[in-house]
Protein backbone atom coordinates (compact mmCIF):
# COMPACT_ATOMS: atom_id res chain seq x y z
CA MET A 1 2.86 -46.06 -28.98
CA ARG A 2 3.52 -46.92 -25.35
CA ALA A 3 6.94 -46.03 -24.02
CA ALA A 4 9.24 -47.18 -21.24
CA THR A 5 11.29 -44.75 -19.19
CA LEU A 6 14.96 -45.71 -19.25
CA ASN A 7 17.14 -45.27 -16.19
CA ASP A 8 18.47 -42.00 -17.63
CA GLY A 9 14.96 -40.59 -17.96
CA THR A 10 14.64 -41.14 -21.72
CA ALA A 11 11.24 -42.25 -23.01
CA LEU A 12 11.78 -45.21 -25.35
CA PRO A 13 8.88 -46.36 -27.56
CA LEU A 14 8.26 -50.02 -26.73
CA LEU A 15 7.87 -50.95 -30.40
CA GLY A 16 10.67 -50.09 -32.78
CA LEU A 17 12.10 -51.21 -36.10
CA GLY A 18 14.90 -53.75 -36.36
CA THR A 19 17.00 -53.60 -39.53
CA TYR A 20 19.06 -56.80 -39.46
CA LYS A 21 19.67 -58.11 -43.00
CA LEU A 22 18.07 -55.06 -44.64
CA ARG A 23 20.36 -53.80 -47.38
CA GLY A 24 20.67 -51.03 -49.94
CA GLY A 25 17.58 -49.38 -51.30
CA GLU A 26 15.35 -51.84 -49.47
CA ALA A 27 16.74 -50.65 -46.14
CA GLU A 28 16.20 -46.99 -47.06
CA THR A 29 12.65 -47.65 -48.24
CA ILE A 30 11.63 -49.59 -45.15
CA VAL A 31 13.12 -47.13 -42.66
CA ARG A 32 11.60 -44.19 -44.48
CA ARG A 33 8.18 -45.86 -44.58
CA ALA A 34 8.44 -46.86 -40.92
CA ILE A 35 8.95 -43.24 -39.90
CA GLU A 36 5.96 -42.19 -42.01
CA ILE A 37 3.82 -44.77 -40.18
CA GLY A 38 4.93 -43.53 -36.77
CA TYR A 39 7.97 -45.58 -35.75
CA ARG A 40 10.33 -43.46 -33.68
CA HIS A 41 12.75 -46.12 -32.46
CA ILE A 42 15.21 -47.39 -35.10
CA ASP A 43 17.79 -50.11 -34.39
CA THR A 44 20.84 -50.95 -36.49
CA ALA A 45 24.44 -52.13 -35.95
CA SER A 46 27.80 -51.83 -37.63
CA PHE A 47 27.65 -55.60 -38.21
CA TYR A 48 24.49 -55.21 -40.26
CA GLY A 49 26.34 -53.24 -42.91
CA ASN A 50 23.43 -50.83 -43.42
CA GLU A 51 24.19 -47.82 -41.23
CA GLU A 52 24.64 -45.56 -44.27
CA GLU A 53 21.27 -46.56 -45.72
CA VAL A 54 19.51 -46.22 -42.37
CA GLY A 55 21.10 -42.81 -41.91
CA ARG A 56 20.06 -41.63 -45.37
CA ALA A 57 16.45 -42.61 -44.67
CA ILE A 58 16.46 -40.83 -41.31
CA ASN A 59 17.98 -37.68 -42.75
CA ALA A 60 15.54 -37.73 -45.67
CA ALA A 61 12.62 -38.00 -43.23
CA MET A 62 13.94 -35.06 -41.22
CA ALA A 63 14.55 -32.97 -44.34
CA ALA A 64 10.96 -33.64 -45.44
CA GLY A 65 9.63 -32.49 -42.09
CA ASP A 66 8.18 -35.91 -41.23
CA VAL A 67 10.07 -36.07 -37.94
CA SER A 68 12.53 -34.08 -35.88
CA ARG A 69 15.80 -35.51 -34.61
CA GLU A 70 14.58 -35.09 -31.03
CA GLU A 71 11.61 -37.37 -31.69
CA LEU A 72 13.80 -40.29 -32.74
CA ILE A 73 15.71 -42.90 -30.76
CA VAL A 74 18.52 -44.26 -32.93
CA THR A 75 20.51 -47.25 -31.68
CA THR A 76 23.58 -48.88 -33.15
CA LYS A 77 26.09 -51.39 -31.81
CA LEU A 78 29.79 -52.06 -31.30
CA TRP A 79 30.84 -55.27 -33.05
CA ASN A 80 33.03 -57.86 -31.34
CA ASP A 81 36.20 -57.12 -33.30
CA ASP A 82 35.99 -53.46 -32.27
CA GLN A 83 35.80 -53.94 -28.51
CA GLY A 84 39.34 -52.62 -28.12
CA ARG A 85 38.59 -49.48 -30.15
CA ALA A 86 35.11 -48.49 -29.03
CA ARG A 87 35.61 -44.74 -29.38
CA GLN A 88 36.88 -44.94 -32.95
CA ALA A 89 34.18 -47.46 -33.92
CA PHE A 90 31.52 -45.17 -32.46
CA ASP A 91 32.76 -42.23 -34.53
CA GLU A 92 32.74 -44.41 -37.65
CA SER A 93 29.15 -45.51 -36.99
CA ARG A 94 28.03 -41.95 -36.34
CA GLN A 95 29.64 -40.77 -39.58
CA ARG A 96 28.02 -43.57 -41.57
CA LEU A 97 24.64 -42.67 -40.07
CA GLY A 98 25.25 -38.99 -40.78
CA LEU A 99 23.95 -37.87 -37.39
CA GLU A 100 25.38 -35.34 -34.96
CA TYR A 101 24.64 -37.60 -32.03
CA LEU A 102 23.39 -41.12 -31.37
CA ASP A 103 20.86 -42.02 -28.72
CA ILE A 104 22.03 -45.47 -27.63
CA PHE A 105 25.26 -47.40 -28.35
CA LEU A 106 25.43 -51.05 -27.34
CA VAL A 107 28.21 -53.57 -26.82
CA HIS A 108 26.82 -56.13 -29.29
CA TRP A 109 28.01 -59.30 -27.50
CA PRO A 110 30.04 -59.74 -24.31
CA TRP A 111 32.47 -62.26 -25.88
CA PRO A 112 33.77 -63.28 -22.44
CA GLN A 113 36.59 -65.32 -23.94
CA LYS A 114 38.15 -62.14 -25.33
CA GLY A 115 37.93 -60.33 -22.00
CA LEU A 116 37.39 -56.82 -23.40
CA TYR A 117 33.68 -56.27 -22.74
CA THR A 118 34.24 -54.29 -19.52
CA ARG A 119 36.71 -51.94 -21.20
CA ALA A 120 34.37 -51.58 -24.17
CA PHE A 121 31.38 -50.67 -22.01
CA ALA A 122 33.45 -48.25 -19.92
CA ASP A 123 34.65 -46.52 -23.09
CA ILE A 124 31.09 -46.26 -24.38
CA ALA A 125 29.87 -44.84 -21.08
CA ARG A 126 32.55 -42.13 -21.25
CA LEU A 127 31.39 -41.13 -24.72
CA ARG A 128 28.32 -39.57 -23.10
CA GLU A 129 30.55 -36.76 -21.80
CA SER A 130 31.13 -35.50 -25.35
CA GLY A 131 27.45 -35.03 -26.11
CA ALA A 132 27.74 -37.28 -29.17
CA LEU A 133 26.08 -40.14 -27.29
CA ARG A 134 23.05 -40.03 -25.03
CA ALA A 135 23.09 -43.49 -23.41
CA ALA A 136 25.17 -46.66 -23.08
CA GLY A 137 23.74 -50.15 -23.23
CA VAL A 138 24.53 -53.76 -23.99
CA ALA A 139 23.18 -56.67 -25.99
CA ASN A 140 23.23 -60.40 -25.30
CA PHE A 141 24.65 -59.93 -21.79
CA TYR A 142 23.72 -62.25 -18.93
CA PRO A 143 23.76 -61.67 -15.15
CA GLU A 144 27.36 -62.73 -14.53
CA VAL A 145 28.83 -60.30 -17.05
CA LEU A 146 26.33 -57.60 -16.12
CA ASP A 147 27.55 -57.89 -12.53
CA VAL A 148 31.12 -57.39 -13.74
CA ILE A 149 30.42 -54.19 -15.67
CA LEU A 150 28.23 -52.76 -12.92
CA ASP A 151 30.95 -53.35 -10.32
CA ALA A 152 33.78 -52.14 -12.55
CA THR A 153 32.19 -49.00 -13.97
CA GLY A 154 29.39 -48.00 -11.62
CA VAL A 155 27.28 -47.40 -14.73
CA THR A 156 24.02 -49.26 -15.31
CA PRO A 157 23.21 -49.98 -18.98
CA VAL A 158 19.94 -48.40 -20.04
CA LEU A 159 18.91 -51.64 -21.74
CA ASN A 160 20.03 -55.15 -22.61
CA GLN A 161 18.93 -56.36 -26.03
CA VAL A 162 18.59 -60.15 -26.05
CA GLU A 163 16.92 -62.93 -27.97
CA LEU A 164 13.42 -63.13 -26.54
CA HIS A 165 10.12 -64.40 -27.96
CA ALA A 166 7.03 -66.36 -26.97
CA GLY A 167 8.30 -69.67 -25.61
CA PHE A 168 11.68 -68.16 -24.75
CA THR A 169 10.98 -65.16 -22.54
CA GLN A 170 14.02 -65.46 -20.22
CA PRO A 171 12.13 -64.75 -16.96
CA GLU A 172 15.23 -64.97 -14.75
CA LEU A 173 17.11 -62.44 -16.87
CA ARG A 174 14.08 -60.14 -16.99
CA ASP A 175 13.86 -60.31 -13.21
CA TYR A 176 17.54 -59.37 -12.93
CA HIS A 177 16.89 -56.42 -15.24
CA ARG A 178 13.95 -55.23 -13.15
CA GLN A 179 16.02 -55.36 -9.99
CA HIS A 180 18.77 -53.26 -11.56
CA GLY A 181 16.72 -50.78 -13.59
CA ILE A 182 17.69 -52.19 -16.99
CA LEU A 183 15.09 -52.38 -19.76
CA THR A 184 14.74 -55.75 -21.49
CA GLU A 185 14.71 -55.35 -25.27
CA ALA A 186 13.75 -58.31 -27.44
CA TRP A 187 15.44 -59.11 -30.71
CA ALA A 188 13.77 -61.77 -32.90
CA PRO A 189 10.54 -61.08 -30.97
CA LEU A 190 8.53 -62.91 -33.65
CA ALA A 191 10.73 -66.02 -33.46
CA ARG A 192 11.09 -65.55 -37.23
CA GLY A 193 7.50 -66.70 -37.54
CA GLY A 194 8.39 -70.16 -36.33
CA ASN A 195 5.75 -70.34 -33.62
CA PHE A 196 2.80 -68.62 -35.31
CA ASP A 197 0.98 -71.94 -35.55
CA ALA A 198 1.33 -72.67 -31.83
CA PRO A 199 -2.21 -73.44 -30.57
CA HIS A 200 -2.19 -70.82 -27.80
CA ILE A 201 -0.96 -68.08 -30.13
CA VAL A 202 -3.59 -69.04 -32.71
CA ALA A 203 -6.31 -69.07 -30.06
CA VAL A 204 -5.48 -65.61 -28.73
CA ALA A 205 -5.12 -64.20 -32.25
CA GLU A 206 -8.52 -65.55 -33.25
CA LYS A 207 -10.11 -64.23 -30.06
CA HIS A 208 -8.92 -60.69 -30.77
CA GLN A 209 -9.21 -60.96 -34.57
CA LYS A 210 -5.56 -60.01 -34.85
CA THR A 211 -2.58 -61.66 -36.49
CA PRO A 212 -0.19 -63.94 -34.59
CA ALA A 213 2.54 -61.32 -35.02
CA GLN A 214 0.41 -58.60 -33.45
CA VAL A 215 -0.54 -60.84 -30.53
CA VAL A 216 3.04 -61.91 -29.85
CA LEU A 217 4.38 -58.36 -29.95
CA ALA A 218 1.58 -57.14 -27.67
CA TYR A 219 2.36 -60.01 -25.29
CA LEU A 220 6.04 -59.13 -25.01
CA MET A 221 5.21 -55.47 -24.45
CA GLU A 222 2.80 -56.53 -21.69
CA LEU A 223 5.76 -58.32 -20.10
CA GLY A 224 7.51 -54.93 -20.03
CA CYS A 225 9.84 -55.57 -22.96
CA SER A 226 10.80 -53.31 -25.80
CA VAL A 227 10.46 -55.11 -29.15
CA ILE A 228 12.25 -54.41 -32.43
CA PRO A 229 10.73 -56.67 -35.11
CA LYS A 230 12.46 -56.60 -38.47
CA THR A 231 10.62 -56.78 -41.76
CA ALA A 232 11.31 -56.01 -45.40
CA ASN A 233 7.57 -55.97 -46.17
CA PRO A 234 5.79 -52.58 -46.02
CA GLN A 235 2.48 -54.29 -45.19
CA ARG A 236 4.09 -56.08 -42.26
CA LEU A 237 5.38 -52.74 -41.02
CA VAL A 238 1.80 -51.60 -40.67
CA GLU A 239 0.74 -54.93 -39.18
CA ASN A 240 3.47 -54.84 -36.55
CA TRP A 241 2.61 -51.26 -35.65
CA GLY A 242 -0.94 -52.40 -34.98
CA ALA A 243 0.30 -54.50 -32.06
CA GLY A 244 0.13 -51.34 -29.99
CA GLU A 245 -3.67 -51.48 -30.18
CA VAL A 246 -4.00 -55.07 -28.90
CA ALA A 247 -5.28 -55.27 -25.31
CA LEU A 248 -4.58 -58.69 -23.81
CA SER A 249 -6.34 -60.06 -20.75
CA SER A 250 -4.64 -61.83 -17.87
CA GLU A 251 -6.05 -65.08 -19.28
CA ASP A 252 -4.42 -64.32 -22.63
CA ILE A 253 -1.08 -63.69 -20.93
CA GLU A 254 -1.37 -66.94 -19.01
CA LEU A 255 -2.03 -68.86 -22.23
CA LEU A 256 0.90 -67.24 -24.01
CA ASN A 257 3.17 -67.91 -21.04
CA SER A 258 2.65 -71.61 -21.71
CA VAL A 259 3.92 -71.50 -25.30
CA GLU A 260 6.97 -73.73 -25.63
CA GLY A 261 10.16 -72.76 -27.41
CA ASN A 262 13.94 -72.54 -27.24
CA ARG A 263 16.83 -70.25 -28.08
CA MET A 264 17.26 -70.02 -31.86
CA SER A 265 20.63 -68.32 -32.13
CA GLY A 266 24.06 -68.25 -30.49
CA ASP A 267 24.40 -68.63 -26.74
CA PRO A 268 26.20 -65.55 -25.34
CA LEU A 269 28.06 -67.82 -22.91
CA THR A 270 29.98 -69.25 -25.84
CA PHE A 271 29.42 -67.07 -28.92
CA PRO A 272 31.53 -66.13 -30.85
CA GLY A 273 33.97 -68.60 -29.28
CA ASP A 274 37.59 -68.69 -28.30
CA ALA A 275 39.65 -65.59 -28.99
CA ASP A 276 42.72 -65.96 -31.21
């Protein structure tokens, strides 16, 4: 799998596994199977309520000799309500995952109305000094709040995980990231399957004899984005992994650039809303 080099020198596989809404035994089974297939980039969050299950699957894979800890990139996130207690929340996440260290810890949303995102990111950045955290990042941030944390802390996030999919590729934000050495990571990269019948996606998929999901993931990786598709289906795990073998032409990219779409989830300018 192709990898991007983060601004701290870490090689991050461009295709990883998202675990949003995976629960219980299903979460353990999917993460374990993903590692067997070759996934080395696993994304979770305290908000997902599955850190324990994800951690059990990772530790089981290591105990079986399927993977070493050094081969994995494990990401989790600081939820909004914990922005004032980032260090404690990090320790709680690490304990739930059962890992000696975490690779990347993200501020999950800026929540500008609360006004704690700068403090939260600064606290996360300082956690790297302990050795329990390798890198600090953010999710759902936009240029104005990125400017604030860069100016206040002098630390550049290794990545910004944002909603991004065919039809909603956020070119201005990606350009900002390129200028500042921040990797763009796409959550909901498959648009929850909502655009698989778009004529340009269908045309490119048929041309390459690949599925719409494989074409869309390959497209986003060609744009320089990391992608973390979530699935509860073992067959889809294999299908998504196959996106790494899709070679798109410049004409394919041009077609996919013309797919139309919009944001599907909360706008980080306003979500989660006014603070109490």
